[in-house]
Amino acid sequence: MNSSLTLDSVIRMGERIEAGEADLRDLFEEDQGFADADEGREPDTNEKQLRELLAATTKLKSLHSRIEVIEEKTP
C-alpha cells in the first residue's frame, strides 16, 4: 500500500530529526524559500516546530500501528 510507505518515510524522517541526524530543513529541501524565511526566526520558533513535529511523529506511529492491524485482519 503506497500510503504505508509514505507514512514510514515521514516517521523515519521525524526519528532522524529527533535523534539529531537531520534538520527540520531537510523536510523542505525542495522549497528554497523555507531556508530563507527560517534565517530570521527566533530559536523559540524552531523549538516549537520541533516539538510539533515530534508530537505529529508520535501520532503517525500510532496510526501506522493501527493501519497494520487493520491490514492484517483484512483478507
Protein backbone atom coordinates (compact mmCIF):
# COMPACT_ATOMS: atom_id res chain seq x y z
CA MET A 1 0.00 0.00 0.00
CA ASN A 2 1.54 3.37 -1.03
CA SER A 3 0.21 5.30 1.95
CA SER A 4 2.01 2.91 4.28
CA LEU A 5 5.32 3.55 2.50
CA THR A 6 4.81 7.30 2.70
CA LEU A 7 3.90 7.06 6.36
CA ASP A 8 7.05 5.00 7.03
CA SER A 9 9.13 7.64 5.29
CA VAL A 10 7.65 10.51 7.32
CA ILE A 11 8.10 8.58 10.56
CA ARG A 12 11.74 7.80 9.74
CA MET A 13 12.45 11.45 8.94
CA GLY A 14 10.88 12.52 12.25
CA GLU A 15 13.02 9.97 14.08
CA ARG A 16 16.16 11.22 12.32
CA ILE A 17 15.37 14.80 13.30
CA GLU A 18 14.67 13.75 16.90
CA ALA A 19 17.99 11.89 17.02
CA GLY A 20 19.85 14.93 15.67
CA GLU A 21 20.76 13.14 12.43
CA ALA A 22 18.70 15.52 10.27
CA ASP A 23 17.43 19.08 10.43
CA LEU A 24 13.90 20.42 10.07
CA ARG A 25 15.02 22.00 6.81
CA ASP A 26 15.63 18.51 5.41
CA LEU A 27 11.86 18.08 5.24
CA PHE A 28 11.63 21.06 2.93
CA GLU A 29 14.81 20.73 0.89
CA GLU A 30 12.96 21.39 -2.38
CA ASP A 31 11.50 24.65 -1.06
CA GLN A 32 14.33 27.18 -1.12
CA GLY A 33 12.04 29.86 0.32
CA PHE A 34 11.79 27.94 3.57
CA ALA A 35 15.53 28.22 4.28
CA ASP A 36 15.49 31.96 3.56
CA ALA A 37 12.45 32.54 5.75
CA ASP A 38 13.94 30.45 8.55
CA GLU A 39 17.04 32.64 8.85
CA GLY A 40 15.13 35.42 10.60
CA ARG A 41 13.26 33.17 13.00
CA GLU A 42 13.88 33.08 16.70
CA PRO A 43 15.27 29.89 18.28
CA ASP A 44 11.96 29.53 20.16
CA THR A 45 10.15 29.20 16.83
CA ASN A 46 12.44 26.36 15.77
CA GLU A 47 11.95 24.62 19.13
CA LYS A 48 8.18 24.96 18.78
CA GLN A 49 8.31 23.46 15.29
CA LEU A 50 10.47 20.62 16.56
CA ARG A 51 8.04 19.87 19.40
CA GLU A 52 5.13 19.92 16.94
CA LEU A 53 7.00 17.58 14.60
CA LEU A 54 7.79 15.14 17.40
CA ALA A 55 4.15 15.16 18.53
CA ALA A 56 3.00 14.56 14.95
CA THR A 57 5.54 11.75 14.52
CA THR A 58 4.24 10.07 17.69
CA LYS A 59 0.67 10.29 16.37
CA LEU A 60 1.76 8.93 12.99
CA LYS A 61 3.43 5.95 14.63
CA SER A 62 0.21 5.18 16.48
CA LEU A 63 -1.84 5.50 13.31
CA HIS A 64 0.64 3.34 11.42
CA SER A 65 0.29 0.58 14.02
CA ARG A 66 -3.49 0.76 13.76
CA ILE A 67 -3.31 0.57 9.95
CA GLU A 68 -1.09 -2.53 10.17
CA VAL A 69 -3.58 -4.23 12.50
CA ILE A 70 -6.46 -3.46 10.13
CA GLU A 71 -4.47 -4.68 7.10
CA GLU A 72 -3.64 -7.92 8.90
CA LYS A 73 -7.33 -8.52 9.62
CA THR A 74 -8.39 -7.75 6.05
CA PRO A 75 -8.44 -10.85 3.84
